[in-house]
Amino acid sequence: MSLLAIEGASRRFGSLVAVDDVSMSVEEGELVAVIGPNGAGKTTFFNLISGFLTPSQGRILFDGEDITRMLPARRVWRGIARTFQVTEVFPELSVRENLRIAVEVAAGYRLRPWISRPAAAEIEARVGELCGMGGLRDKEDRAVGELSHGDQRATEIMMALALKPRLLLLDEPTAGMGDQETYEITQLIRRLHQEQALTIVLIEHDMRVVFHLADRIVVLAEGRVLAEGTASQIAANEAVQTAYLGQAA
């Protein structure tokens, strides 16, 4: 059974069809990249998976359960977490404070007026673990808004990881970054995939990142699946070259 299965999903906005009869599956432990030109429907597709939008038709299954009309918060508790094109953090708070909020939510303490001393120690230990995992230990007491774009993105990814997802959705994780930051975030994603055995689906425009990370690539164009395969298969696909990569590829 696939961890994630999308069956004939479409999303219409009036006469505009943003996602058109898309079917795909993601196996547990796989890293899948979704690519395509601007306006191909990639973010709308992510919004269908995470519950911010409901398909006009088709259905979405997660670990065999139909989640097509499940609320986003319930999907998080089922094991789906995501990041966004625009980094979503609390810029005035420190890295540790950002991560602590996410860890407390994941532990179910968000509605409790107090936390016991043993529970607080567990939370602090988890926050420290996430700081180390994200390469943020030497920046953990700095306000996130003061950090580089790459470190802000790493903080956001660690906040998503604090929710203990089985499936992590990353929407353009290296957008707007220079070469060094792109390399560091790419390495972070690789570590999460390999060391944490995390299933990841990412939208990405940088083909260096896609070809370096992805087990499988799905190409969207005009809301439809244009092609699907390994990096070498996608690079050699003439339809993909014409629609997205460019003939020079």
Protein backbone atom coordinates (compact mmCIF):
# COMPACT_ATOMS: atom_id res chain seq x y z
CA MET A 1 0.00 0.00 0.00
CA SER A 2 1.36 3.44 -0.95
CA LEU A 3 1.75 5.97 1.85
CA LEU A 4 0.12 8.64 -0.35
CA ALA A 5 -2.18 8.01 -3.31
CA ILE A 6 -3.84 10.70 -5.42
CA GLU A 7 -6.56 9.33 -7.69
CA GLY A 8 -7.85 11.49 -10.53
CA ALA A 9 -7.65 14.73 -8.54
CA SER A 10 -8.80 17.94 -10.20
CA ARG A 11 -9.29 21.45 -8.87
CA ARG A 12 -11.27 24.10 -10.72
CA PHE A 13 -11.56 27.80 -10.00
CA GLY A 14 -14.52 28.76 -12.16
CA SER A 15 -13.46 28.08 -15.74
CA LEU A 16 -9.80 27.70 -14.76
CA VAL A 17 -8.61 24.12 -14.21
CA ALA A 18 -5.50 24.41 -12.01
CA VAL A 19 -5.08 20.66 -11.42
CA ASP A 20 -6.52 18.37 -14.09
CA ASP A 21 -7.08 14.64 -13.41
CA VAL A 22 -3.77 14.06 -11.62
CA SER A 23 -2.97 10.59 -10.32
CA MET A 24 0.24 9.64 -8.56
CA SER A 25 1.47 7.67 -5.56
CA VAL A 26 4.32 8.02 -3.08
CA GLU A 27 5.83 5.02 -1.35
CA GLU A 28 6.99 5.14 2.26
CA GLY A 29 10.62 6.29 2.45
CA GLU A 30 10.60 7.78 -1.05
CA LEU A 31 11.71 11.28 -2.03
CA VAL A 32 9.66 12.60 -4.94
CA ALA A 33 10.19 15.93 -6.68
CA VAL A 34 7.33 17.73 -8.42
CA ILE A 35 8.55 20.12 -11.10
CA GLY A 36 6.99 22.19 -13.85
CA PRO A 37 6.82 25.72 -15.25
CA ASN A 38 5.15 28.56 -13.36
CA GLY A 39 1.38 28.12 -13.43
CA ALA A 40 1.61 24.34 -13.81
CA GLY A 41 -0.53 23.75 -10.70
CA LYS A 42 2.21 22.60 -8.33
CA THR A 43 1.25 24.64 -5.25
CA THR A 44 -2.45 23.97 -5.83
CA PHE A 45 -1.55 20.29 -5.91
CA PHE A 46 0.24 20.64 -2.54
CA ASN A 47 -2.78 22.49 -1.15
CA LEU A 48 -4.98 19.53 -2.10
CA ILE A 49 -2.67 17.11 -0.27
CA SER A 50 -2.40 19.25 2.86
CA GLY A 51 -6.09 20.11 2.97
CA PHE A 52 -6.04 23.85 2.26
CA LEU A 53 -8.12 23.09 -0.83
CA THR A 54 -10.63 20.32 -1.57
CA PRO A 55 -10.54 18.56 -4.96
CA SER A 56 -13.36 19.35 -7.37
CA GLN A 57 -13.18 15.66 -8.21
CA GLY A 58 -11.04 12.65 -7.37
CA ARG A 59 -9.76 11.55 -4.00
CA ILE A 60 -6.64 11.49 -1.83
CA LEU A 61 -5.61 8.53 0.33
CA PHE A 62 -3.03 8.61 3.12
CA ASP A 63 -1.91 5.24 4.46
CA GLY A 64 -5.08 3.73 2.98
CA GLU A 65 -7.45 6.26 4.60
CA ASP A 66 -9.54 8.62 2.46
CA ILE A 67 -8.52 12.14 3.58
CA THR A 68 -10.06 14.01 0.64
CA ARG A 69 -12.24 16.19 2.87
CA MET A 70 -10.27 15.96 6.09
CA LEU A 71 -9.39 19.29 7.73
CA PRO A 72 -5.73 20.41 7.56
CA ALA A 73 -5.21 20.12 11.35
CA ARG A 74 -6.43 16.52 11.33
CA ARG A 75 -4.03 15.73 8.49
CA VAL A 76 -1.18 17.05 10.60
CA TRP A 77 -2.15 14.67 13.41
CA ARG A 78 -2.36 11.84 10.86
CA GLY A 79 1.24 12.56 9.87
CA ILE A 80 1.38 15.17 7.08
CA ALA A 81 3.43 18.35 7.61
CA ARG A 82 4.47 21.02 5.14
CA THR A 83 6.47 24.18 4.58
CA PHE A 84 5.48 27.06 2.31
CA GLN A 85 6.96 29.12 -0.50
CA VAL A 86 7.23 32.09 1.86
CA THR A 87 9.00 31.01 5.06
CA GLU A 88 6.54 30.77 7.96
CA VAL A 89 8.33 31.44 11.27
CA PHE A 90 7.99 33.81 14.25
CA PRO A 91 10.77 36.28 13.33
CA GLU A 92 10.87 38.09 16.68
CA LEU A 93 11.37 34.84 18.62
CA SER A 94 14.60 32.87 18.92
CA VAL A 95 15.26 29.61 17.08
CA ARG A 96 14.72 27.69 20.34
CA GLU A 97 11.43 29.49 21.02
CA ASN A 98 10.16 28.75 17.50
CA LEU A 99 11.04 25.09 17.88
CA ARG A 100 9.63 24.90 21.40
CA ILE A 101 6.24 26.09 20.15
CA ALA A 102 6.19 23.36 17.52
CA VAL A 103 7.35 20.68 19.98
CA GLU A 104 4.73 21.68 22.55
CA VAL A 105 2.00 21.54 19.90
CA ALA A 106 3.20 18.09 18.80
CA ALA A 107 3.18 16.93 22.44
CA GLY A 108 -0.39 18.17 22.94
CA TYR A 109 0.43 20.95 25.43
CA ARG A 110 -0.95 23.87 23.45
CA LEU A 111 -4.18 24.04 25.49
CA ARG A 112 -2.70 23.29 28.92
CA PRO A 113 -1.91 26.11 31.38
CA TRP A 114 1.12 24.32 32.86
CA ILE A 115 3.70 21.68 32.00
CA SER A 116 5.27 19.36 34.57
CA ARG A 117 9.01 19.51 35.20
CA PRO A 118 9.72 16.09 33.58
CA ALA A 119 7.63 17.05 30.53
CA ALA A 120 9.44 20.40 30.27
CA ALA A 121 12.77 18.57 30.35
CA GLU A 122 11.63 16.26 27.55
CA ILE A 123 10.52 19.25 25.49
CA GLU A 124 13.87 21.00 25.98
CA ALA A 125 15.71 17.83 25.00
CA ARG A 126 13.67 17.55 21.82
CA VAL A 127 14.26 21.23 20.99
CA GLY A 128 18.00 20.71 21.41
CA GLU A 129 17.87 17.63 19.21
CA LEU A 130 16.10 19.58 16.45
CA CYS A 131 18.59 22.46 16.71
CA GLY A 132 21.44 20.01 16.21
CA MET A 133 19.69 18.19 13.39
CA GLY A 134 19.06 21.46 11.55
CA GLY A 135 22.61 22.76 12.00
CA LEU A 136 21.27 25.58 14.16
CA ARG A 137 22.92 24.91 17.52
CA ASP A 138 25.23 27.93 17.34
CA LYS A 139 22.28 30.18 16.43
CA GLU A 140 19.61 28.79 18.75
CA ASP A 141 19.38 31.90 20.97
CA ARG A 142 19.22 34.42 18.12
CA ALA A 143 15.99 35.90 16.82
CA VAL A 144 15.03 34.07 13.64
CA GLY A 145 14.37 37.36 11.84
CA GLU A 146 18.08 38.21 12.21
CA LEU A 147 19.24 35.03 10.50
CA SER A 148 20.02 34.36 6.86
CA HIS A 149 17.27 33.16 4.56
CA GLY A 150 18.81 29.67 4.60
CA ASP A 151 18.81 29.47 8.40
CA GLN A 152 15.23 30.75 8.53
CA ARG A 153 14.24 28.01 6.10
CA ALA A 154 16.12 25.41 8.16
CA THR A 155 14.19 26.60 11.24
CA GLU A 156 10.90 26.24 9.41
CA ILE A 157 11.78 22.73 8.24
CA MET A 158 12.72 21.75 11.81
CA MET A 159 9.40 23.17 13.05
CA ALA A 160 7.62 20.92 10.57
CA LEU A 161 9.77 17.98 11.66
CA ALA A 162 8.82 18.66 15.30
CA LEU A 163 5.29 17.53 14.38
CA LYS A 164 6.70 14.03 13.78
CA PRO A 165 5.37 13.66 10.24
CA ARG A 166 5.39 10.51 8.18
CA LEU A 167 5.13 12.68 5.05
CA LEU A 168 6.88 16.05 4.71
CA LEU A 169 5.85 18.44 1.92
CA LEU A 170 8.46 21.07 1.01
CA ASP A 171 7.29 23.91 -1.26
CA GLU A 172 10.33 25.37 -3.06
CA PRO A 173 12.72 24.95 -0.10
CA THR A 174 15.69 26.64 -1.85
CA ALA A 175 13.81 29.52 -3.52
CA GLY A 176 15.73 32.81 -3.40
CA MET A 177 18.96 31.27 -2.09
CA GLY A 178 22.53 31.58 -3.24
CA ASP A 179 24.70 28.59 -4.04
CA GLN A 180 26.01 28.03 -0.50
CA GLU A 181 22.59 28.22 1.16
CA THR A 182 21.12 26.00 -1.54
CA TYR A 183 23.85 23.43 -0.88
CA GLU A 184 23.23 23.52 2.89
CA ILE A 185 19.45 23.10 2.59
CA THR A 186 19.92 20.33 0.02
CA GLN A 187 22.22 18.51 2.44
CA LEU A 188 19.70 19.01 5.26
CA ILE A 189 16.91 17.48 3.17
CA ARG A 190 19.17 14.57 2.21
CA ARG A 191 19.99 13.90 5.88
CA LEU A 192 16.32 13.94 6.87
CA HIS A 193 15.48 11.56 4.07
CA GLN A 194 18.29 9.13 4.74
CA GLU A 195 18.90 9.31 8.49
CA GLN A 196 15.29 9.80 9.58
CA ALA A 197 13.84 7.56 6.83
CA LEU A 198 11.41 10.40 6.13
CA THR A 199 9.08 10.35 3.14
CA ILE A 200 9.40 13.68 1.33
CA VAL A 201 7.62 15.32 -1.60
CA LEU A 202 9.14 18.61 -2.72
CA ILE A 203 8.37 21.26 -5.29
CA GLU A 204 11.58 22.72 -6.66
CA HIS A 205 12.73 24.83 -9.62
CA ASP A 206 16.48 24.31 -9.19
CA MET A 207 17.23 21.26 -11.30
CA ARG A 208 20.56 20.73 -9.54
CA VAL A 209 18.64 20.15 -6.31
CA VAL A 210 16.03 17.95 -8.00
CA PHE A 211 18.53 15.73 -9.80
CA HIS A 212 20.70 15.45 -6.68
CA LEU A 213 17.88 14.46 -4.29
CA ALA A 214 14.94 12.85 -6.02
CA ASP A 215 14.30 9.13 -6.26
CA ARG A 216 11.56 9.98 -8.75
CA ILE A 217 10.40 13.11 -10.55
CA VAL A 218 6.85 14.05 -11.56
CA VAL A 219 6.48 16.81 -14.15
CA LEU A 220 3.31 18.92 -14.19
CA ALA A 221 2.33 21.12 -17.12
CA GLU A 222 -0.97 22.99 -17.40
CA GLY A 223 -2.28 21.06 -14.42
CA ARG A 224 -1.61 17.60 -15.86
CA VAL A 225 1.11 15.01 -15.38
CA LEU A 226 3.39 15.39 -18.38
CA ALA A 227 6.00 12.80 -17.41
CA GLU A 228 7.24 10.72 -14.50
CA GLY A 229 10.51 8.88 -13.96
CA THR A 230 14.08 8.99 -12.71
CA ALA A 231 16.34 12.00 -13.18
CA SER A 232 17.98 10.49 -16.27
CA GLN A 233 14.60 9.59 -17.80
CA ILE A 234 13.23 13.09 -17.21
CA ALA A 235 16.36 14.80 -18.55
CA ALA A 236 16.10 12.72 -21.75
CA ASN A 237 12.35 13.25 -22.22
CA GLU A 238 11.80 15.50 -25.26
CA ALA A 239 8.36 16.64 -24.11
CA VAL A 240 9.83 17.77 -20.79
CA GLN A 241 12.69 19.56 -22.52
CA THR A 242 10.23 21.44 -24.69
CA ALA A 243 7.80 22.31 -21.89
CA TYR A 244 10.19 23.02 -19.05
CA LEU A 245 13.89 22.23 -19.19
CA GLY A 246 14.49 23.88 -22.57
CA GLN A 247 15.85 22.27 -25.71
CA ALA A 248 19.44 23.08 -24.64
CA ALA A 249 19.07 20.56 -21.76
